[in-house]
Protein backbone atom coordinates (compact mmCIF):
# COMPACT_ATOMS: atom_id res chain seq x y z
CA PRO A 1 0.00 0.00 0.00
CA PRO A 2 1.11 3.58 -0.71
CA GLN A 3 0.92 4.52 3.00
CA ILE A 4 3.40 1.79 3.93
CA GLN A 5 5.67 2.59 0.97
CA ASN A 6 5.68 6.22 2.09
CA MET A 7 6.55 5.26 5.68
CA VAL A 8 9.35 2.94 4.52
CA ALA A 9 10.76 5.75 2.36
CA GLN A 10 10.61 8.11 5.36
CA LEU A 11 12.34 5.49 7.49
CA GLN A 12 15.16 5.13 4.96
CA GLN A 13 15.52 8.89 4.72
CA LEU A 14 15.74 9.22 8.51
CA GLN A 15 18.36 6.46 8.63
CA GLN A 16 20.46 8.29 6.02
CA GLN A 17 20.14 11.57 7.92
CA LEU A 18 21.13 9.84 11.14
CA GLN A 19 24.15 8.26 9.46
CA ALA A 20 25.25 11.67 8.12
CA VAL A 21 24.86 13.30 11.55
CA VAL A 22 26.80 10.52 13.28
CA SER A 23 29.57 10.83 10.70
CA GLN A 24 29.75 14.63 11.07
CA LYS A 25 29.80 14.30 14.85
CA ALA A 26 32.68 11.81 14.68
CA GLN A 27 34.68 14.21 12.49
CA LEU A 28 34.04 17.10 14.87
CA GLU A 29 34.95 15.00 17.91
CA SER A 30 38.23 14.13 16.20
CA MET A 31 38.85 17.82 15.47
CA LEU A 32 38.00 18.64 19.08
CA LYS A 33 40.54 16.10 20.35
CA GLU A 34 43.22 17.54 18.07
CA THR A 35 42.43 21.06 19.29
CA GLU A 36 42.56 19.98 22.94
CA ASP A 37 45.94 18.30 22.31
CA ALA A 38 47.23 21.46 20.62
CA ILE A 39 46.06 23.61 23.56
CA GLU A 40 47.81 21.25 25.96
CA GLU A 41 51.05 21.43 23.95
CA VAL A 42 50.99 25.23 23.71
CA GLU A 43 50.25 25.52 27.44
CA LYS A 44 53.14 23.15 28.23
CA SER A 45 55.60 25.14 26.12
CA ALA A 46 57.67 27.73 27.90
CA GLU A 47 56.53 31.32 27.44
CA SER A 48 59.87 32.14 25.83
CA SER A 49 59.81 29.28 23.32
CA ALA A 50 58.81 29.96 19.74
CA ILE A 51 55.34 28.91 18.62
CA PHE A 52 54.57 28.24 14.97
CA LYS A 53 51.19 27.83 13.36
CA ALA A 54 50.18 26.58 9.96
CA VAL A 55 48.91 29.16 7.51
CA GLY A 56 48.07 27.26 4.37
CA ASN A 57 51.14 25.15 3.59
CA VAL A 58 53.51 27.42 5.50
CA LEU A 59 54.47 27.52 9.17
CA VAL A 60 54.75 31.04 10.56
CA LYS A 61 55.97 32.21 13.93
CA ALA A 62 53.03 33.29 16.07
CA ASP A 63 52.33 34.89 19.43
CA ARG A 64 51.80 32.18 22.05
CA GLU A 65 48.86 33.94 23.73
CA GLU A 66 47.19 34.67 20.41
CA VAL A 67 47.53 31.04 19.35
CA LEU A 68 46.09 29.88 22.69
CA LYS A 69 43.18 32.27 22.34
CA GLU A 70 42.44 31.06 18.80
CA LEU A 71 42.66 27.40 19.85
CA LYS A 72 40.34 27.92 22.81
CA GLU A 73 37.81 29.72 20.60
CA LYS A 74 38.01 26.88 18.07
CA LYS A 75 37.50 24.37 20.88
CA GLU A 76 34.46 26.24 22.18
CA THR A 77 32.91 26.51 18.72
CA THR A 78 33.54 22.83 18.02
CA GLU A 79 32.01 21.81 21.36
CA ILE A 80 28.87 23.79 20.53
CA ARG A 81 28.63 22.12 17.11
CA VAL A 82 29.10 18.66 18.67
CA LYS A 83 26.33 19.36 21.21
CA SER A 84 24.05 20.54 18.41
CA LEU A 85 24.71 17.36 16.44
CA GLU A 86 24.09 15.26 19.56
CA ARG A 87 20.66 16.87 19.97
CA GLN A 88 19.94 16.36 16.27
CA GLU A 89 21.02 12.72 16.57
CA GLU A 90 18.68 12.17 19.52
CA ARG A 91 15.73 13.73 17.70
CA LEU A 92 16.37 11.59 14.63
CA LYS A 93 16.63 8.43 16.75
CA GLU A 94 13.32 9.27 18.47
CA ARG A 95 11.62 9.84 15.11
CA LEU A 96 13.07 6.59 13.79
CA VAL A 97 11.79 4.57 16.75
CA GLU A 98 8.39 6.24 16.49
CA LEU A 99 8.13 5.47 12.78
CA GLN A 100 9.32 1.89 13.27
CA LYS A 101 6.63 1.34 15.92
CA LYS A 102 3.95 2.77 13.63
CA LEU A 103 5.09 0.54 10.80
CA GLN A 104 5.13 -2.54 13.03
CA SER A 105 1.66 -1.83 14.32
CA ILE A 106 0.36 -1.51 10.75
CA LEU A 107 2.17 -4.60 9.49
CA SER A 108 1.36 -6.88 12.44
CA PRO A 109 -2.08 -5.92 13.83
CA GLN A 110 -3.02 -7.55 17.11
CA ALA A 111 -5.12 -10.68 16.73
CA GLY A 112 -8.36 -10.25 18.27
């Protein structure tokens, strides 16, 4: 029936969206870990030691405090994006479960 075909299509679409969100979240979590490691390294370095940062394909000498500030801002932004994706992931999972239950109830009605 068209109603069931429509629900199955919605289910597949939700699964694809969920997969994309999970993938994005994993990438951001990896970026977050790298940023945290970089912050830790910069904080460990002596104030007098030279700090270099990548600008395109070139490393340039940079101010330690400025680099720390940039890294912390990047970390904060990434954390916000991860949280947003986590909420999106939860909503998608809830919609998936809801739709699966509806489909099951249609496909296997209770015997009487």
